[in-house]
Amino acid sequence: MSALKSIFIFILMTFILCLIFSCAGNVEQPGTLEGTVRIGPIWPVERPGENPPVSPEVFKARKIMVYNEHRDRLVETVDIVQIGQSQQGRYSVQLKPGKYIVDINRIGIDSSGEVPREVKIEAGKIAILDIDIDTGIR
């Protein structure tokens, strides 16, 4: 009887270990939210086609804010990295699969027609949300 009990315990433990390791393998990989951010105008009376130099502080002051789908909890604050001295920057963040609300931290009278916006993040995929920030400078 003791040998039968030992075999049963061995089979049960093997089954439990298989369940644990197979469940651990089902953890979803993150997805990525990324995009380009344009900020402007930077100077009063900026003419179309003019590209005045942009201070890095313009981008450092602005952030991409990622909230849960109910917008009652801030999930991530993402920096915008300036591309050269242009009026464009990029951002990228990895997130767990799910729905999120994306917005910007509003500096002064900044506004954007692209946000707030709901985005869906899927495992292993890239969701792109480009944002134009209007500084309100005229």
Protein backbone atom coordinates (compact mmCIF):
# COMPACT_ATOMS: atom_id res chain seq x y z
CA MET A 1 0.00 0.00 0.00
CA SER A 2 2.88 2.32 0.72
CA ALA A 3 4.24 1.96 -2.83
CA LEU A 4 0.83 2.79 -4.30
CA LYS A 5 0.57 5.86 -2.05
CA SER A 6 4.04 7.04 -3.14
CA ILE A 7 3.15 6.64 -6.83
CA PHE A 8 -0.09 8.59 -6.31
CA ILE A 9 1.77 11.42 -4.52
CA PHE A 10 4.41 11.49 -7.28
CA ILE A 11 1.76 11.73 -10.01
CA LEU A 12 -0.13 14.43 -8.09
CA MET A 13 3.02 16.51 -7.51
CA THR A 14 4.01 16.17 -11.18
CA PHE A 15 0.53 17.33 -12.23
CA ILE A 16 0.69 20.33 -9.87
CA LEU A 17 4.14 21.34 -11.12
CA CYS A 18 2.97 21.08 -14.73
CA LEU A 19 0.03 23.35 -13.94
CA ILE A 20 2.27 25.91 -12.22
CA PHE A 21 4.77 26.08 -15.07
CA SER A 22 2.16 26.14 -17.82
CA CYS A 23 0.30 28.98 -16.08
CA ALA A 24 3.52 30.96 -15.67
CA GLY A 25 4.08 30.67 -19.43
CA ASN A 26 0.70 32.29 -20.13
CA VAL A 27 1.71 35.69 -18.73
CA GLU A 28 0.95 38.15 -21.51
CA GLN A 29 3.82 40.15 -22.87
CA PRO A 30 3.40 43.92 -22.92
CA GLY A 31 2.44 46.02 -25.89
CA THR A 32 3.89 49.40 -26.85
CA LEU A 33 2.32 52.83 -27.12
CA GLU A 34 4.37 55.27 -29.17
CA GLY A 35 4.07 58.31 -31.34
CA THR A 36 5.37 61.61 -32.59
CA VAL A 37 4.61 64.86 -30.79
CA ARG A 38 4.65 68.24 -32.51
CA ILE A 39 4.72 71.35 -30.32
CA GLY A 40 4.05 74.81 -31.71
CA PRO A 41 3.96 77.57 -32.38
CA ILE A 42 7.02 78.38 -30.30
CA TRP A 43 7.40 82.06 -31.17
CA PRO A 44 4.74 84.78 -31.60
CA VAL A 45 4.00 85.60 -35.26
CA GLU A 46 5.61 82.40 -36.52
CA ARG A 47 5.11 82.14 -40.28
CA PRO A 48 4.22 78.82 -41.93
CA GLY A 49 7.36 77.01 -43.03
CA GLU A 50 9.58 78.80 -40.52
CA ASN A 51 11.40 76.47 -38.18
CA PRO A 52 12.86 78.52 -35.34
CA PRO A 53 15.18 76.64 -32.96
CA VAL A 54 13.34 74.98 -30.11
CA SER A 55 14.72 74.83 -26.59
CA PRO A 56 14.93 71.32 -25.08
CA GLU A 57 13.01 72.69 -22.07
CA VAL A 58 9.91 72.97 -24.29
CA PHE A 59 9.82 69.16 -24.52
CA LYS A 60 11.05 68.46 -20.98
CA ALA A 61 8.12 70.43 -19.53
CA ARG A 62 5.51 68.40 -21.41
CA LYS A 63 4.59 64.79 -20.66
CA ILE A 64 2.35 62.09 -22.02
CA MET A 65 0.00 60.95 -19.27
CA VAL A 66 -1.37 57.38 -19.42
CA TYR A 67 -4.38 56.62 -17.21
CA ASN A 68 -6.35 53.43 -16.64
CA GLU A 69 -9.51 53.11 -18.76
CA HIS A 70 -11.65 54.82 -16.10
CA ARG A 71 -9.17 57.70 -15.79
CA ASP A 72 -9.14 57.41 -12.02
CA ARG A 73 -5.51 56.21 -11.74
CA LEU A 74 -2.35 57.48 -13.43
CA VAL A 75 -0.48 54.46 -14.82
CA GLU A 76 2.55 56.10 -16.50
CA THR A 77 4.07 59.53 -17.05
CA VAL A 78 6.12 59.45 -20.26
CA ASP A 79 8.85 61.88 -21.34
CA ILE A 80 8.88 63.33 -24.84
CA VAL A 81 12.33 63.14 -26.44
CA GLN A 82 13.07 66.00 -28.84
CA ILE A 83 14.22 65.11 -32.36
CA GLY A 84 17.20 67.39 -32.99
CA GLN A 85 16.18 71.04 -32.55
CA SER A 86 12.93 70.58 -34.39
CA GLN A 87 9.41 71.14 -33.14
CA GLN A 88 8.93 67.36 -33.07
CA GLY A 89 9.61 64.74 -30.44
CA ARG A 90 8.91 61.06 -29.84
CA TYR A 91 7.61 59.03 -26.94
CA SER A 92 7.35 55.31 -26.27
CA VAL A 93 6.14 53.23 -23.33
CA GLN A 94 5.47 49.53 -22.74
CA LEU A 95 2.12 48.74 -21.15
CA LYS A 96 0.21 45.64 -20.10
CA PRO A 97 -2.52 44.68 -22.57
CA GLY A 98 -5.74 46.60 -21.93
CA LYS A 99 -7.50 49.90 -22.50
CA TYR A 100 -5.99 53.21 -21.42
CA ILE A 101 -6.79 56.92 -21.64
CA VAL A 102 -3.90 58.99 -23.02
CA ASP A 103 -3.61 62.73 -22.36
CA ILE A 104 -0.97 65.43 -21.94
CA ASN A 105 -0.04 67.46 -18.90
CA ARG A 106 -1.29 70.88 -19.84
CA ILE A 107 1.29 73.65 -19.51
CA GLY A 108 -0.29 77.10 -19.50
CA ILE A 109 -2.85 77.15 -22.29
CA ASP A 110 -1.60 74.07 -24.15
CA SER A 111 -4.29 72.15 -25.97
CA SER A 112 -4.58 69.20 -28.33
CA GLY A 113 -7.37 67.82 -30.46
CA GLU A 114 -5.85 64.31 -30.37
CA VAL A 115 -6.16 63.79 -26.61
CA PRO A 116 -7.65 62.69 -24.35
CA ARG A 117 -8.06 59.48 -26.34
CA GLU A 118 -8.75 55.87 -25.47
CA VAL A 119 -6.18 53.42 -26.81
CA LYS A 120 -6.16 49.64 -26.76
CA ILE A 121 -2.85 47.93 -26.09
CA GLU A 122 -2.42 44.38 -27.36
CA ALA A 123 0.33 41.95 -26.36
CA GLY A 124 3.39 42.23 -28.57
CA LYS A 125 1.87 44.96 -30.77
CA ILE A 126 2.54 48.67 -31.24
CA ALA A 127 -0.26 51.23 -30.92
CA ILE A 128 0.58 54.60 -32.49
CA LEU A 129 -0.88 57.89 -31.28
CA ASP A 130 0.63 61.05 -32.79
CA ILE A 131 -0.15 64.25 -30.90
CA ASP A 132 -0.02 67.92 -31.92
CA ILE A 133 0.25 70.28 -28.96
CA ASP A 134 -0.90 73.83 -29.64
CA THR A 135 0.91 76.17 -27.26
CA GLY A 136 -1.59 78.96 -27.82
CA ILE A 137 1.19 81.45 -28.60
CA ARG A 138 -0.01 83.87 -31.25
